[in-house]
Amino acid sequence: MRLHKEGYKIVLISILIWLAVNYLVGLTGETVFRVFMILATLPFLVLTVRFFRYPHRIITPAPKSVLSPADGNIVAIEETTENEYFKDRRLQISVFMSVNNVHINWNPVPGEVTYFKHHSGHFMAAYLPKSSTLNERATTVIRMADGTEVLVRQIAGAVAKRIISYSTVGKKVAQQDELGFIRFGSRVDIYLPVGTKVNVELCQEVTGSQTILAEL
């Protein structure tokens, strides 16, 4: 299993802590206690390694399609007012990621990054609607070849403490490229033109870079 680069340091530290704890426990000479501690602490190490897994995926470019930016479940499909960039009515599709999902984010459409901004904020549960505007978040706008702009917002969750984004204004991006990474539970919102054909339903499980959310 491959590890994502954002997990190298955390996984290494976790392994060292696990080894140190079990080494110290081993000094007690109590075999039963040593076995108990190994079995009790090993799941936390496995979960940490699993969280930063980097699955091998074949990503097929679909220039007129909006690919899911993340693994997870669809928690919102609705028209709403986007107040940061567009300041008008947009179609919002939201993907919620649990701690069990792969937390890599991909660019949903190809084009050029025309806007990027990181916002500090709270860490409420990411599935709540108000998390889109109150939680820590990073907003990226991608302008496609035909001039259509798509906004992608990475949102921190209750236990997500860091949003990592690779977006910079002027950067050319493809659907095979990573948008970023969010640690430990979060959500990604996409804002599309009203009237865009949607291919998914509420509560549907989607796969990042694979599932087609909508057609432009």
N, C-alpha and C. Protein backbone atom coordinates (compact mmCIF):
# COMPACT_ATOMS: atom_id res chain seq x y z
N MET A 1 0.83 -1.21 0.00
CA MET A 1 0.00 0.00 0.00
C MET A 1 0.87 1.26 0.00
N ARG A 2 0.56 2.17 -0.91
CA ARG A 2 1.30 3.43 -0.96
C ARG A 2 0.78 4.41 0.08
N LEU A 3 1.68 5.29 0.54
CA LEU A 3 1.29 6.36 1.45
C LEU A 3 1.32 7.68 0.69
N HIS A 4 0.37 8.56 1.03
CA HIS A 4 0.40 9.91 0.46
C HIS A 4 1.50 10.71 1.13
N LYS A 5 2.10 11.62 0.40
CA LYS A 5 3.23 12.40 0.93
C LYS A 5 2.87 13.19 2.18
N GLU A 6 1.58 13.58 2.31
CA GLU A 6 1.18 14.36 3.47
C GLU A 6 1.18 13.52 4.75
N GLY A 7 1.32 12.21 4.60
CA GLY A 7 1.30 11.34 5.76
C GLY A 7 2.65 10.84 6.21
N TYR A 8 3.70 11.12 5.42
CA TYR A 8 5.02 10.57 5.74
C TYR A 8 5.44 10.90 7.18
N LYS A 9 5.38 12.16 7.55
CA LYS A 9 5.86 12.60 8.86
C LYS A 9 4.99 12.04 9.98
N ILE A 10 3.67 12.12 9.81
CA ILE A 10 2.75 11.67 10.85
C ILE A 10 2.86 10.17 11.06
N VAL A 11 2.94 9.41 9.97
CA VAL A 11 3.06 7.96 10.09
C VAL A 11 4.39 7.58 10.77
N LEU A 12 5.47 8.25 10.39
CA LEU A 12 6.76 7.96 11.00
C LEU A 12 6.73 8.24 12.50
N ILE A 13 6.15 9.38 12.90
CA ILE A 13 6.05 9.72 14.32
C ILE A 13 5.19 8.69 15.05
N SER A 14 4.09 8.28 14.41
CA SER A 14 3.19 7.30 15.03
C SER A 14 3.90 5.97 15.26
N ILE A 15 4.70 5.54 14.28
CA ILE A 15 5.44 4.29 14.42
C ILE A 15 6.46 4.38 15.56
N LEU A 16 7.16 5.52 15.62
CA LEU A 16 8.17 5.70 16.67
C LEU A 16 7.53 5.72 18.06
N ILE A 17 6.37 6.38 18.18
CA ILE A 17 5.67 6.41 19.47
C ILE A 17 5.21 5.01 19.85
N TRP A 18 4.68 4.28 18.86
CA TRP A 18 4.20 2.92 19.12
C TRP A 18 5.35 2.02 19.59
N LEU A 19 6.48 2.13 18.91
CA LEU A 19 7.64 1.32 19.30
C LEU A 19 8.14 1.71 20.69
N ALA A 20 8.19 3.02 20.96
CA ALA A 20 8.69 3.48 22.26
C ALA A 20 7.79 3.02 23.40
N VAL A 21 6.48 3.16 23.21
CA VAL A 21 5.54 2.75 24.26
C VAL A 21 5.67 1.26 24.55
N ASN A 22 5.72 0.47 23.50
CA ASN A 22 5.77 -0.97 23.71
C ASN A 22 7.15 -1.43 24.19
N TYR A 23 8.18 -0.68 23.88
CA TYR A 23 9.51 -1.00 24.42
C TYR A 23 9.52 -0.76 25.93
N LEU A 24 8.96 0.38 26.35
CA LEU A 24 8.93 0.71 27.77
C LEU A 24 8.07 -0.30 28.54
N VAL A 25 6.95 -0.68 27.92
CA VAL A 25 6.10 -1.69 28.56
C VAL A 25 6.86 -3.01 28.67
N GLY A 26 7.65 -3.31 27.66
CA GLY A 26 8.42 -4.55 27.66
C GLY A 26 9.43 -4.62 28.79
N LEU A 27 9.87 -3.47 29.29
CA LEU A 27 10.85 -3.45 30.38
C LEU A 27 10.27 -3.95 31.69
N THR A 28 8.94 -3.97 31.77
CA THR A 28 8.31 -4.45 32.99
C THR A 28 8.44 -5.95 33.14
N GLY A 29 8.65 -6.64 32.03
CA GLY A 29 8.80 -8.08 32.08
C GLY A 29 7.50 -8.84 32.21
N GLU A 30 6.38 -8.13 32.28
CA GLU A 30 5.08 -8.77 32.40
C GLU A 30 4.57 -9.15 31.01
N THR A 31 4.64 -10.43 30.67
CA THR A 31 4.29 -10.89 29.32
C THR A 31 2.84 -10.59 28.97
N VAL A 32 1.93 -10.87 29.89
CA VAL A 32 0.51 -10.64 29.61
C VAL A 32 0.25 -9.17 29.34
N PHE A 33 0.85 -8.30 30.15
CA PHE A 33 0.65 -6.86 29.97
C PHE A 33 1.25 -6.38 28.65
N ARG A 34 2.40 -6.94 28.30
CA ARG A 34 3.05 -6.57 27.03
C ARG A 34 2.16 -6.93 25.85
N VAL A 35 1.62 -8.13 25.88
CA VAL A 35 0.73 -8.57 24.78
C VAL A 35 -0.51 -7.70 24.72
N PHE A 36 -1.06 -7.39 25.90
CA PHE A 36 -2.25 -6.55 25.96
C PHE A 36 -1.98 -5.18 25.34
N MET A 37 -0.86 -4.55 25.67
CA MET A 37 -0.54 -3.22 25.16
C MET A 37 -0.30 -3.24 23.65
N ILE A 38 0.35 -4.28 23.16
CA ILE A 38 0.57 -4.39 21.72
C ILE A 38 -0.76 -4.47 20.98
N LEU A 39 -1.66 -5.32 21.49
CA LEU A 39 -2.97 -5.47 20.85
C LEU A 39 -3.83 -4.23 21.00
N ALA A 40 -3.66 -3.51 22.11
CA ALA A 40 -4.48 -2.32 22.36
C ALA A 40 -4.02 -1.12 21.53
N THR A 41 -2.72 -1.01 21.29
CA THR A 41 -2.19 0.16 20.59
C THR A 41 -2.05 -0.05 19.08
N LEU A 42 -1.95 -1.29 18.65
CA LEU A 42 -1.76 -1.56 17.22
C LEU A 42 -2.88 -1.01 16.34
N PRO A 43 -4.17 -1.10 16.73
CA PRO A 43 -5.24 -0.56 15.88
C PRO A 43 -5.08 0.93 15.58
N PHE A 44 -4.59 1.72 16.55
CA PHE A 44 -4.40 3.14 16.32
C PHE A 44 -3.32 3.39 15.27
N LEU A 45 -2.28 2.58 15.31
CA LEU A 45 -1.22 2.70 14.32
C LEU A 45 -1.74 2.32 12.93
N VAL A 46 -2.49 1.22 12.88
CA VAL A 46 -3.05 0.77 11.60
C VAL A 46 -4.00 1.81 11.02
N LEU A 47 -4.85 2.39 11.85
CA LEU A 47 -5.79 3.41 11.39
C LEU A 47 -5.07 4.64 10.85
N THR A 48 -3.98 5.03 11.51
CA THR A 48 -3.21 6.19 11.05
C THR A 48 -2.60 5.93 9.68
N VAL A 49 -2.00 4.75 9.53
CA VAL A 49 -1.40 4.38 8.24
C VAL A 49 -2.49 4.32 7.17
N ARG A 50 -3.62 3.72 7.50
CA ARG A 50 -4.72 3.56 6.54
C ARG A 50 -5.28 4.90 6.11
N PHE A 51 -5.35 5.85 7.03
CA PHE A 51 -5.90 7.16 6.70
C PHE A 51 -5.12 7.84 5.58
N PHE A 52 -3.81 7.66 5.55
CA PHE A 52 -2.97 8.31 4.55
C PHE A 52 -2.69 7.42 3.34
N ARG A 53 -3.50 6.40 3.16
CA ARG A 53 -3.30 5.51 2.00
C ARG A 53 -3.50 6.29 0.70
N TYR A 54 -2.77 5.85 -0.32
CA TYR A 54 -2.80 6.52 -1.62
C TYR A 54 -3.18 5.46 -2.66
N PRO A 55 -4.46 5.33 -2.95
CA PRO A 55 -4.90 4.26 -3.87
C PRO A 55 -4.45 4.52 -5.30
N HIS A 56 -4.17 3.44 -6.00
CA HIS A 56 -3.82 3.57 -7.41
C HIS A 56 -5.11 3.67 -8.22
N ARG A 57 -5.27 4.77 -8.96
CA ARG A 57 -6.47 4.97 -9.75
C ARG A 57 -6.12 5.43 -11.16
N ILE A 58 -6.83 4.88 -12.11
CA ILE A 58 -6.70 5.35 -13.50
C ILE A 58 -7.74 6.45 -13.70
N ILE A 59 -7.27 7.65 -13.94
CA ILE A 59 -8.16 8.80 -14.07
C ILE A 59 -8.30 9.15 -15.55
N THR A 60 -9.51 9.00 -16.07
CA THR A 60 -9.78 9.29 -17.47
C THR A 60 -10.31 10.71 -17.61
N PRO A 61 -9.59 11.60 -18.29
CA PRO A 61 -10.05 12.98 -18.45
C PRO A 61 -11.43 13.04 -19.11
N ALA A 62 -12.28 13.91 -18.60
CA ALA A 62 -13.61 14.13 -19.16
C ALA A 62 -13.87 15.64 -19.10
N PRO A 63 -13.37 16.37 -20.09
CA PRO A 63 -13.37 17.84 -20.05
C PRO A 63 -14.74 18.50 -19.84
N LYS A 64 -15.81 17.85 -20.24
CA LYS A 64 -17.14 18.43 -20.09
C LYS A 64 -17.88 17.89 -18.86
N SER A 65 -17.20 17.02 -18.10
CA SER A 65 -17.82 16.43 -16.92
C SER A 65 -17.18 16.96 -15.65
N VAL A 66 -17.95 16.93 -14.58
CA VAL A 66 -17.45 17.33 -13.27
C VAL A 66 -17.21 16.04 -12.48
N LEU A 67 -15.94 15.70 -12.26
CA LEU A 67 -15.61 14.51 -11.50
C LEU A 67 -15.65 14.80 -10.00
N SER A 68 -16.01 13.80 -9.22
CA SER A 68 -16.04 14.00 -7.78
C SER A 68 -14.64 14.37 -7.28
N PRO A 69 -14.51 15.42 -6.48
CA PRO A 69 -13.20 15.81 -5.97
C PRO A 69 -12.73 14.96 -4.80
N ALA A 70 -13.63 14.09 -4.29
CA ALA A 70 -13.27 13.32 -3.10
C ALA A 70 -14.10 12.05 -2.98
N ASP A 71 -13.59 11.11 -2.20
CA ASP A 71 -14.36 9.94 -1.81
C ASP A 71 -15.34 10.36 -0.70
N GLY A 72 -16.52 9.74 -0.68
CA GLY A 72 -17.45 10.05 0.39
C GLY A 72 -18.89 9.86 -0.02
N ASN A 73 -19.78 10.59 0.64
CA ASN A 73 -21.21 10.52 0.36
C ASN A 73 -21.77 11.89 0.04
N ILE A 74 -22.72 11.92 -0.89
CA ILE A 74 -23.36 13.18 -1.27
C ILE A 74 -24.31 13.59 -0.15
N VAL A 75 -24.07 14.77 0.44
CA VAL A 75 -24.91 15.25 1.54
C VAL A 75 -25.73 16.48 1.16
N ALA A 76 -25.48 17.05 -0.02
CA ALA A 76 -26.27 18.21 -0.45
C ALA A 76 -26.26 18.33 -1.97
N ILE A 77 -27.45 18.56 -2.53
CA ILE A 77 -27.62 18.92 -3.94
C ILE A 77 -28.71 19.98 -3.93
N GLU A 78 -28.33 21.24 -4.07
CA GLU A 78 -29.33 22.29 -3.93
C GLU A 78 -28.86 23.60 -4.56
N GLU A 79 -29.82 24.44 -4.91
CA GLU A 79 -29.51 25.79 -5.35
C GLU A 79 -29.31 26.66 -4.12
N THR A 80 -28.27 27.45 -4.13
CA THR A 80 -27.98 28.31 -2.99
C THR A 80 -27.23 29.55 -3.47
N THR A 81 -27.09 30.53 -2.62
CA THR A 81 -26.33 31.73 -2.96
C THR A 81 -24.89 31.56 -2.51
N GLU A 82 -23.96 31.69 -3.44
CA GLU A 82 -22.53 31.60 -3.13
C GLU A 82 -22.04 33.03 -2.92
N ASN A 83 -21.63 33.35 -1.69
CA ASN A 83 -21.36 34.75 -1.33
C ASN A 83 -19.90 35.17 -1.38
N GLU A 84 -18.99 34.24 -1.55
CA GLU A 84 -17.57 34.62 -1.52
C GLU A 84 -17.07 35.12 -2.87
N TYR A 85 -17.39 34.40 -3.93
CA TYR A 85 -16.82 34.72 -5.25
C TYR A 85 -17.89 35.09 -6.27
N PHE A 86 -18.83 34.21 -6.51
CA PHE A 86 -19.83 34.46 -7.54
C PHE A 86 -20.85 35.51 -7.10
N LYS A 87 -21.23 35.43 -5.82
CA LYS A 87 -22.24 36.34 -5.25
C LYS A 87 -23.56 36.27 -6.02
N ASP A 88 -23.93 35.06 -6.41
CA ASP A 88 -25.22 34.84 -7.08
C ASP A 88 -25.67 33.40 -6.81
N ARG A 89 -26.75 33.00 -7.44
CA ARG A 89 -27.29 31.67 -7.24
C ARG A 89 -26.46 30.63 -8.00
N ARG A 90 -26.16 29.53 -7.33
CA ARG A 90 -25.37 28.44 -7.92
C ARG A 90 -25.96 27.10 -7.47
N LEU A 91 -25.62 26.07 -8.21
CA LEU A 91 -25.98 24.72 -7.82
C LEU A 91 -24.85 24.15 -6.98
N GLN A 92 -25.16 23.78 -5.75
CA GLN A 92 -24.15 23.25 -4.84
C GLN A 92 -24.28 21.74 -4.70
N ILE A 93 -23.15 21.04 -4.86
CA ILE A 93 -23.07 19.60 -4.60
C ILE A 93 -21.99 19.41 -3.55
N SER A 94 -22.33 18.70 -2.47
CA SER A 94 -21.38 18.54 -1.37
C SER A 94 -21.08 17.07 -1.12
N VAL A 95 -19.79 16.78 -0.93
CA VAL A 95 -19.33 15.42 -0.63
C VAL A 95 -18.74 15.41 0.78
N PHE A 96 -19.31 14.57 1.64
CA PHE A 96 -18.82 14.44 3.02
C PHE A 96 -17.88 13.26 3.12
N MET A 97 -16.70 13.48 3.72
CA MET A 97 -15.71 12.43 3.90
C MET A 97 -15.63 12.05 5.36
N SER A 98 -15.82 10.77 5.66
CA SER A 98 -15.63 10.28 7.03
C SER A 98 -14.17 9.91 7.21
N VAL A 99 -13.79 9.56 8.43
CA VAL A 99 -12.39 9.20 8.68
C VAL A 99 -12.01 7.92 7.95
N ASN A 100 -12.99 7.18 7.47
CA ASN A 100 -12.71 5.93 6.76
C ASN A 100 -12.40 6.14 5.28
N ASN A 101 -12.72 7.33 4.77
CA ASN A 101 -12.51 7.60 3.35
C ASN A 101 -11.07 8.01 3.05
N VAL A 102 -10.66 7.82 1.81
CA VAL A 102 -9.42 8.41 1.32
C VAL A 102 -9.60 9.92 1.36
N HIS A 103 -8.60 10.66 1.86
CA HIS A 103 -8.77 12.10 2.04
C HIS A 103 -7.99 12.96 1.04
N ILE A 104 -7.58 12.34 -0.05
CA ILE A 104 -7.00 13.10 -1.15
C ILE A 104 -8.13 13.81 -1.88
N ASN A 105 -7.89 15.05 -2.32
CA ASN A 105 -8.85 15.79 -3.14
C ASN A 105 -8.26 15.99 -4.53
N TRP A 106 -9.12 15.86 -5.55
CA TRP A 106 -8.70 16.04 -6.93
C TRP A 106 -9.45 17.22 -7.55
N ASN A 107 -8.86 17.79 -8.60
CA ASN A 107 -9.55 18.85 -9.33
C ASN A 107 -10.72 18.24 -10.10
N PRO A 108 -11.92 18.78 -9.94
CA PRO A 108 -13.09 18.19 -10.59
C PRO A 108 -13.18 18.49 -12.08
N VAL A 109 -12.55 19.60 -12.50
CA VAL A 109 -12.57 19.99 -13.92
C VAL A 109 -11.18 20.50 -14.31
N PRO A 110 -10.88 20.48 -15.61
CA PRO A 110 -9.60 21.02 -16.07
C PRO A 110 -9.73 22.52 -16.32
N GLY A 111 -8.61 23.23 -16.25
CA GLY A 111 -8.65 24.66 -16.56
C GLY A 111 -7.54 25.42 -15.87
N GLU A 112 -7.81 26.69 -15.57
CA GLU A 112 -6.83 27.57 -14.92
C GLU A 112 -7.41 28.09 -13.62
N VAL A 113 -6.61 28.07 -12.56
CA VAL A 113 -7.05 28.60 -11.28
C VAL A 113 -7.08 30.13 -11.36
N THR A 114 -8.27 30.70 -11.16
CA THR A 114 -8.42 32.15 -11.24
C THR A 114 -8.60 32.81 -9.88
N TYR A 115 -8.84 31.98 -8.85
CA TYR A 115 -9.04 32.53 -7.51
C TYR A 115 -8.70 31.46 -6.49
N PHE A 116 -8.01 31.88 -5.43
CA PHE A 116 -7.75 30.97 -4.32
C PHE A 116 -7.67 31.77 -3.03
N LYS A 117 -8.30 31.25 -1.98
CA LYS A 117 -8.21 31.91 -0.67
C LYS A 117 -8.45 30.91 0.43
N HIS A 118 -7.60 30.98 1.46
CA HIS A 118 -7.76 30.14 2.65
C HIS A 118 -8.37 30.98 3.76
N HIS A 119 -9.38 30.42 4.44
CA HIS A 119 -10.06 31.12 5.52
C HIS A 119 -9.89 30.35 6.82
N SER A 120 -9.50 31.05 7.88
CA SER A 120 -9.50 30.42 9.20
C SER A 120 -10.94 30.35 9.69
N GLY A 121 -11.22 29.45 10.62
CA GLY A 121 -12.59 29.34 11.10
C GLY A 121 -12.75 28.30 12.18
N HIS A 122 -13.99 27.85 12.37
CA HIS A 122 -14.31 26.89 13.41
C HIS A 122 -14.09 25.46 12.90
N PHE A 123 -14.42 24.50 13.76
CA PHE A 123 -14.28 23.09 13.39
C PHE A 123 -15.56 22.33 13.77
N MET A 124 -16.69 22.82 13.27
CA MET A 124 -17.95 22.13 13.50
C MET A 124 -18.02 20.90 12.61
N ALA A 125 -19.00 20.03 12.89
CA ALA A 125 -19.19 18.85 12.05
C ALA A 125 -19.37 19.26 10.61
N ALA A 126 -18.61 18.64 9.70
CA ALA A 126 -18.57 19.06 8.31
C ALA A 126 -19.87 18.81 7.56
N TYR A 127 -20.73 17.91 8.07
CA TYR A 127 -21.98 17.63 7.37
C TYR A 127 -23.03 18.71 7.60
N LEU A 128 -22.80 19.62 8.56
CA LEU A 128 -23.74 20.70 8.82
C LEU A 128 -23.66 21.76 7.72
N PRO A 129 -24.79 22.27 7.22
CA PRO A 129 -24.78 23.27 6.15
C PRO A 129 -23.96 24.52 6.48
N LYS A 130 -24.02 24.99 7.74
CA LYS A 130 -23.32 26.22 8.08
C LYS A 130 -21.80 26.06 8.13
N SER A 131 -21.32 24.81 8.07
CA SER A 131 -19.87 24.60 8.05
C SER A 131 -19.24 25.20 6.80
N SER A 132 -20.04 25.36 5.73
CA SER A 132 -19.52 25.91 4.47
C SER A 132 -19.01 27.33 4.62
N THR A 133 -19.58 28.06 5.58
CA THR A 133 -19.20 29.46 5.74
C THR A 133 -18.52 29.76 7.08
N LEU A 134 -18.63 28.86 8.06
CA LEU A 134 -18.09 29.13 9.38
C LEU A 134 -16.82 28.34 9.71
N ASN A 135 -16.64 27.20 9.08
CA ASN A 135 -15.45 26.38 9.37
C ASN A 135 -14.22 26.86 8.63
N GLU A 136 -13.06 26.37 9.07
CA GLU A 136 -11.84 26.61 8.28
C GLU A 136 -12.08 26.03 6.89
N ARG A 137 -11.66 26.78 5.87
CA ARG A 137 -11.96 26.34 4.50
C ARG A 137 -10.97 26.97 3.52
N ALA A 138 -10.89 26.36 2.35
CA ALA A 138 -10.05 26.89 1.27
C ALA A 138 -10.86 26.86 -0.01
N THR A 139 -10.93 27.99 -0.69
CA THR A 139 -11.75 28.12 -1.89
C THR A 139 -10.87 28.24 -3.13
N THR A 140 -11.16 27.40 -4.12
CA THR A 140 -10.46 27.43 -5.40
C THR A 140 -11.47 27.59 -6.52
N VAL A 141 -11.21 28.51 -7.44
CA VAL A 141 -12.07 28.67 -8.61
C VAL A 141 -11.26 28.30 -9.85
N ILE A 142 -11.83 27.42 -10.67
CA ILE A 142 -11.16 26.96 -11.89
C ILE A 142 -11.96 27.43 -13.10
N ARG A 143 -11.31 28.12 -14.01
CA ARG A 143 -11.96 28.56 -15.25
C ARG A 143 -11.63 27.56 -16.35
N MET A 144 -12.66 26.97 -16.92
CA MET A 144 -12.49 25.98 -17.97
C MET A 144 -12.23 26.64 -19.32
N ALA A 145 -11.91 25.85 -20.33
CA ALA A 145 -11.55 26.37 -21.65
C ALA A 145 -12.67 27.20 -22.28
N ASP A 146 -13.93 26.84 -21.98
CA ASP A 146 -15.06 27.57 -22.57
C ASP A 146 -15.48 28.77 -21.74
N GLY A 147 -14.73 29.07 -20.68
CA GLY A 147 -15.03 30.23 -19.83
C GLY A 147 -15.87 29.91 -18.61
N THR A 148 -16.42 28.71 -18.52
CA THR A 148 -17.21 28.33 -17.35
C THR A 148 -16.31 28.25 -16.12
N GLU A 149 -16.76 28.83 -15.02
CA GLU A 149 -16.00 28.79 -13.78
C GLU A 149 -16.68 27.85 -12.77
N VAL A 150 -15.87 27.03 -12.14
CA VAL A 150 -16.34 26.07 -11.14
C VAL A 150 -15.61 26.36 -9.83
N LEU A 151 -16.37 26.49 -8.76
CA LEU A 151 -15.77 26.77 -7.45
C LEU A 151 -15.75 25.49 -6.63
N VAL A 152 -14.60 25.20 -6.04
CA VAL A 152 -14.41 24.04 -5.17
C VAL A 152 -13.99 24.54 -3.80
N ARG A 153 -14.70 24.12 -2.76
CA ARG A 153 -14.37 24.58 -1.41
C ARG A 153 -14.07 23.39 -0.50
N GLN A 154 -12.84 23.33 -0.01
CA GLN A 154 -12.43 22.31 0.96
C GLN A 154 -12.79 22.82 2.35
N ILE A 155 -13.47 22.00 3.14
CA ILE A 155 -13.97 22.44 4.44
C ILE A 155 -13.49 21.50 5.53
N ALA A 156 -12.92 22.06 6.58
CA ALA A 156 -12.47 21.24 7.71
C ALA A 156 -13.68 20.77 8.50
N GLY A 157 -13.53 19.61 9.16
CA GLY A 157 -14.60 19.06 9.98
C GLY A 157 -14.31 19.20 11.45
N ALA A 158 -15.04 18.44 12.27
CA ALA A 158 -14.91 18.53 13.71
C ALA A 158 -13.54 18.08 14.20
N VAL A 159 -12.93 17.14 13.50
CA VAL A 159 -11.61 16.65 13.91
C VAL A 159 -10.54 16.96 12.87
N ALA A 160 -10.93 17.58 11.77
CA ALA A 160 -9.92 17.96 10.76
C ALA A 160 -9.25 19.25 11.21
N LYS A 161 -7.96 19.23 11.35
CA LYS A 161 -7.25 20.40 11.87
C LYS A 161 -6.34 21.06 10.83
N ARG A 162 -6.34 20.53 9.63
CA ARG A 162 -5.50 21.19 8.62
C ARG A 162 -6.00 20.90 7.23
N ILE A 163 -6.22 21.97 6.47
CA ILE A 163 -6.56 21.85 5.05
C ILE A 163 -5.30 22.15 4.25
N ILE A 164 -4.94 21.24 3.38
CA ILE A 164 -3.78 21.43 2.52
C ILE A 164 -4.29 21.60 1.09
N SER A 165 -3.90 22.69 0.45
CA SER A 165 -4.33 22.93 -0.92
C SER A 165 -3.11 23.23 -1.79
N TYR A 166 -3.14 22.69 -3.01
CA TYR A 166 -2.03 22.92 -3.94
C TYR A 166 -2.37 23.99 -4.97
N SER A 167 -3.47 24.70 -4.75
CA SER A 167 -3.91 25.71 -5.72
C SER A 167 -3.12 27.00 -5.61
N THR A 168 -2.81 27.58 -6.75
CA THR A 168 -2.23 28.92 -6.84
C THR A 168 -2.84 29.60 -8.05
N VAL A 169 -3.11 30.88 -7.93
CA VAL A 169 -3.72 31.61 -9.04
C VAL A 169 -2.83 31.57 -10.27
N GLY A 170 -3.41 31.25 -11.41
CA GLY A 170 -2.67 31.16 -12.66
C GLY A 170 -2.20 29.75 -12.99
N LYS A 171 -2.34 28.83 -12.06
CA LYS A 171 -1.89 27.46 -12.28
C LYS A 171 -2.84 26.72 -13.22
N LYS A 172 -2.28 26.01 -14.19
CA LYS A 172 -3.07 25.17 -15.08
C LYS A 172 -3.26 23.81 -14.41
N VAL A 173 -4.50 23.34 -14.34
CA VAL A 173 -4.76 22.08 -13.66
C VAL A 173 -5.54 21.13 -14.56
N ALA A 174 -5.35 19.85 -14.31
CA ALA A 174 -6.07 18.80 -15.02
C ALA A 174 -6.82 17.95 -14.01
N GLN A 175 -7.76 17.15 -14.49
CA GLN A 175 -8.53 16.31 -13.58
C GLN A 175 -7.68 15.21 -12.95
N GLN A 176 -6.54 14.92 -13.53
CA GLN A 176 -5.63 13.93 -12.95
C GLN A 176 -4.81 14.53 -11.80
N ASP A 177 -4.84 15.86 -11.67
CA ASP A 177 -4.02 16.53 -10.66
C ASP A 177 -4.74 16.59 -9.31
N GLU A 178 -3.96 16.56 -8.25
CA GLU A 178 -4.53 16.67 -6.90
C GLU A 178 -4.82 18.14 -6.57
N LEU A 179 -5.97 18.36 -5.97
CA LEU A 179 -6.34 19.68 -5.46
C LEU A 179 -5.71 19.91 -4.09
N GLY A 180 -5.62 18.84 -3.29
CA GLY A 180 -5.05 18.96 -1.96
C GLY A 180 -5.38 17.77 -1.09
N PHE A 181 -5.37 18.00 0.22
CA PHE A 181 -5.58 16.93 1.19
C PHE A 181 -6.16 17.56 2.45
N ILE A 182 -7.11 16.84 3.09
CA ILE A 182 -7.66 17.33 4.36
C ILE A 182 -7.51 16.22 5.39
N ARG A 183 -7.00 16.57 6.54
CA ARG A 183 -6.71 15.55 7.55
C ARG A 183 -7.91 15.27 8.48
N PHE A 184 -8.31 14.03 8.54
CA PHE A 184 -9.20 13.48 9.55
C PHE A 184 -10.65 13.98 9.52
N GLY A 185 -11.36 13.77 8.44
CA GLY A 185 -12.79 14.03 8.39
C GLY A 185 -13.12 15.42 7.89
N SER A 186 -13.89 15.54 6.84
CA SER A 186 -14.10 16.85 6.24
C SER A 186 -15.15 16.79 5.13
N ARG A 187 -15.18 17.84 4.31
CA ARG A 187 -16.20 17.96 3.28
C ARG A 187 -15.67 18.82 2.13
N VAL A 188 -16.17 18.56 0.92
CA VAL A 188 -15.84 19.38 -0.24
C VAL A 188 -17.13 19.80 -0.92
N ASP A 189 -17.28 21.10 -1.13
CA ASP A 189 -18.44 21.65 -1.85
C ASP A 189 -18.02 22.07 -3.25
N ILE A 190 -18.91 21.85 -4.21
CA ILE A 190 -18.68 22.32 -5.57
C ILE A 190 -19.86 23.21 -5.96
N TYR A 191 -19.57 24.37 -6.55
CA TYR A 191 -20.61 25.29 -7.00
C TYR A 191 -20.58 25.37 -8.53
N LEU A 192 -21.72 25.04 -9.14
CA LEU A 192 -21.84 24.96 -10.59
C LEU A 192 -22.94 25.91 -11.08
N PRO A 193 -22.95 26.22 -12.38
CA PRO A 193 -24.03 27.06 -12.91
C PRO A 193 -25.39 26.41 -12.67
N VAL A 194 -26.39 27.23 -12.33
CA VAL A 194 -27.74 26.71 -12.15
C VAL A 194 -28.22 26.09 -13.46
N GLY A 195 -28.84 24.94 -13.37
CA GLY A 195 -29.30 24.24 -14.56
C GLY A 195 -28.37 23.15 -15.02
N THR A 196 -27.21 23.02 -14.37
CA THR A 196 -26.26 21.95 -14.72
C THR A 196 -26.91 20.59 -14.49
N LYS A 197 -26.70 19.67 -15.42
CA LYS A 197 -27.26 18.32 -15.30
C LYS A 197 -26.50 17.53 -14.24
N VAL A 198 -27.22 17.08 -13.22
CA VAL A 198 -26.62 16.34 -12.11
C VAL A 198 -26.78 14.84 -12.32
N ASN A 199 -25.72 14.10 -12.08
CA ASN A 199 -25.74 12.64 -12.31
C ASN A 199 -25.79 11.82 -11.02
N VAL A 200 -25.83 12.49 -9.85
CA VAL A 200 -25.80 11.76 -8.58
C VAL A 200 -27.03 12.10 -7.75
N GLU A 201 -27.22 11.34 -6.66
CA GLU A 201 -28.35 11.55 -5.78
C GLU A 201 -27.87 11.72 -4.34
N LEU A 202 -28.72 12.27 -3.50
CA LEU A 202 -28.39 12.40 -2.08
C LEU A 202 -28.09 11.03 -1.48
N CYS A 203 -27.10 11.02 -0.60
CA CYS A 203 -26.67 9.81 0.13
C CYS A 203 -25.90 8.83 -0.74
N GLN A 204 -25.70 9.15 -2.01
CA GLN A 204 -24.96 8.24 -2.88
C GLN A 204 -23.48 8.26 -2.51
N GLU A 205 -22.86 7.10 -2.53
CA GLU A 205 -21.43 7.00 -2.28
C GLU A 205 -20.69 7.29 -3.58
N VAL A 206 -19.68 8.15 -3.52
CA VAL A 206 -18.94 8.53 -4.72
C VAL A 206 -17.45 8.29 -4.51
N THR A 207 -16.73 8.19 -5.61
CA THR A 207 -15.29 7.95 -5.58
C THR A 207 -14.57 9.12 -6.23
N GLY A 208 -13.62 9.69 -5.52
CA GLY A 208 -12.87 10.82 -6.03
C GLY A 208 -12.14 10.51 -7.32
N SER A 209 -12.24 11.42 -8.28
CA SER A 209 -11.59 11.34 -9.60
C SER A 209 -12.23 10.30 -10.51
N GLN A 210 -13.29 9.62 -10.04
CA GLN A 210 -13.90 8.54 -10.81
C GLN A 210 -15.39 8.81 -11.10
N THR A 211 -16.15 9.15 -10.10
CA THR A 211 -17.59 9.37 -10.25
C THR A 211 -17.87 10.69 -10.94
N ILE A 212 -18.72 10.67 -11.94
CA ILE A 212 -19.14 11.91 -12.63
C ILE A 212 -20.32 12.50 -11.86
N LEU A 213 -20.09 13.67 -11.24
CA LEU A 213 -21.15 14.32 -10.47
C LEU A 213 -22.15 15.04 -11.37
N ALA A 214 -21.64 15.67 -12.44
CA ALA A 214 -22.50 16.48 -13.29
C ALA A 214 -21.90 16.64 -14.67
N GLU A 215 -22.73 17.09 -15.61
CA GLU A 215 -22.29 17.34 -16.98
C GLU A 215 -22.48 18.81 -17.30
N LEU A 216 -21.43 19.45 -17.80
CA LEU A 216 -21.51 20.89 -18.15
C LEU A 216 -21.80 21.08 -19.63
